[in-house]
Amino acid sequence: LSSSHFMHLFKEQTGTSPLAYQQALRIEQAKASLVSTTLSISEIAEQTGYHDPLYFSRVFKKATGFSPKDYRRNCSQSD
């Protein structure tokens, strides 16, 4: 199974690329950690596979519309 064939089959089955799927899983894990722990943004970034917290923040904001800090603040207030 070549990598291009795998990517084609994966996208056919899921509607998204493997990279986008992995990124969505990481963002969901980060969202859960932001509301359920007191870990720092840097620790959550590292925990979810992002070694650069600034890059993590950009990716998170692009995916959710909120910075990690704002997401934590907004979700904590709604509880």
Protein backbone atom coordinates (compact mmCIF):
# COMPACT_ATOMS: atom_id res chain seq x y z
CA LEU A 1 0.00 0.00 0.00
CA SER A 2 1.66 3.21 -1.12
CA SER A 3 1.34 6.36 0.96
CA SER A 4 -0.59 8.15 -1.76
CA HIS A 5 -3.02 5.24 -2.08
CA PHE A 6 -3.47 5.18 1.70
CA MET A 7 -4.17 8.93 1.76
CA HIS A 8 -6.70 8.54 -1.03
CA LEU A 9 -8.51 5.69 0.75
CA PHE A 10 -8.40 7.52 4.08
CA LYS A 11 -9.90 10.67 2.60
CA GLU A 12 -12.51 8.62 0.77
CA GLN A 13 -13.60 6.98 4.04
CA THR A 14 -13.32 9.94 6.43
CA GLY A 15 -13.77 12.97 4.20
CA THR A 16 -10.51 14.46 5.42
CA SER A 17 -6.79 13.94 5.03
CA PRO A 18 -4.80 11.94 7.59
CA LEU A 19 -2.98 15.11 8.66
CA ALA A 20 -6.21 17.08 9.15
CA TYR A 21 -7.71 14.15 11.06
CA GLN A 22 -4.69 13.95 13.36
CA GLN A 23 -4.77 17.70 13.91
CA ALA A 24 -8.47 17.58 14.81
CA LEU A 25 -7.78 14.83 17.36
CA ARG A 26 -4.98 16.88 18.89
CA ILE A 27 -7.19 19.96 19.12
CA GLU A 28 -9.98 17.93 20.79
CA GLN A 29 -7.46 16.58 23.30
CA ALA A 30 -6.18 20.11 23.95
CA LYS A 31 -9.73 21.42 24.45
CA ALA A 32 -10.40 18.72 27.02
CA SER A 33 -7.14 19.47 28.84
CA LEU A 34 -7.81 23.20 28.85
CA VAL A 35 -11.11 22.80 30.69
CA SER A 36 -10.26 19.83 32.92
CA THR A 37 -6.70 20.61 34.08
CA THR A 38 -4.64 23.53 35.32
CA LEU A 39 -1.71 22.66 33.04
CA SER A 40 -0.09 25.62 31.32
CA ILE A 41 -0.70 26.26 27.63
CA SER A 42 2.91 25.21 26.97
CA GLU A 43 2.40 21.92 28.83
CA ILE A 44 -0.81 21.21 26.93
CA ALA A 45 0.92 22.04 23.65
CA GLU A 46 3.70 19.59 24.46
CA GLN A 47 1.22 16.95 25.66
CA THR A 48 -0.68 17.14 22.38
CA GLY A 49 2.41 16.91 20.19
CA TYR A 50 3.17 20.57 19.49
CA HIS A 51 6.69 21.45 20.56
CA ASP A 52 6.23 25.17 19.85
CA PRO A 53 3.51 26.73 22.06
CA LEU A 54 3.14 29.71 19.72
CA TYR A 55 2.49 27.43 16.74
CA PHE A 56 0.06 25.44 18.87
CA SER A 57 -1.80 28.64 19.75
CA ARG A 58 -2.07 29.63 16.07
CA VAL A 59 -3.34 26.18 15.07
CA PHE A 60 -5.77 26.10 17.99
CA LYS A 61 -7.17 29.54 17.18
CA LYS A 62 -7.56 28.67 13.50
CA ALA A 63 -9.45 25.49 14.43
CA THR A 64 -11.67 26.90 17.19
CA GLY A 65 -11.82 30.66 16.70
CA PHE A 66 -10.39 31.16 20.20
CA SER A 67 -6.91 31.37 21.61
CA PRO A 68 -6.23 28.58 24.13
CA LYS A 69 -6.36 31.13 26.95
CA ASP A 70 -9.72 32.53 25.79
CA TYR A 71 -11.11 29.03 25.26
CA ARG A 72 -10.18 28.07 28.83
CA ARG A 73 -11.68 31.27 30.21
CA ASN A 74 -14.93 30.98 28.21
CA CYS A 75 -15.48 27.30 28.92
CA SER A 76 -14.69 27.67 32.62
CA GLN A 77 -17.26 30.49 32.94
CA SER A 78 -19.98 28.46 31.24
CA ASP A 79 -19.72 25.61 33.82
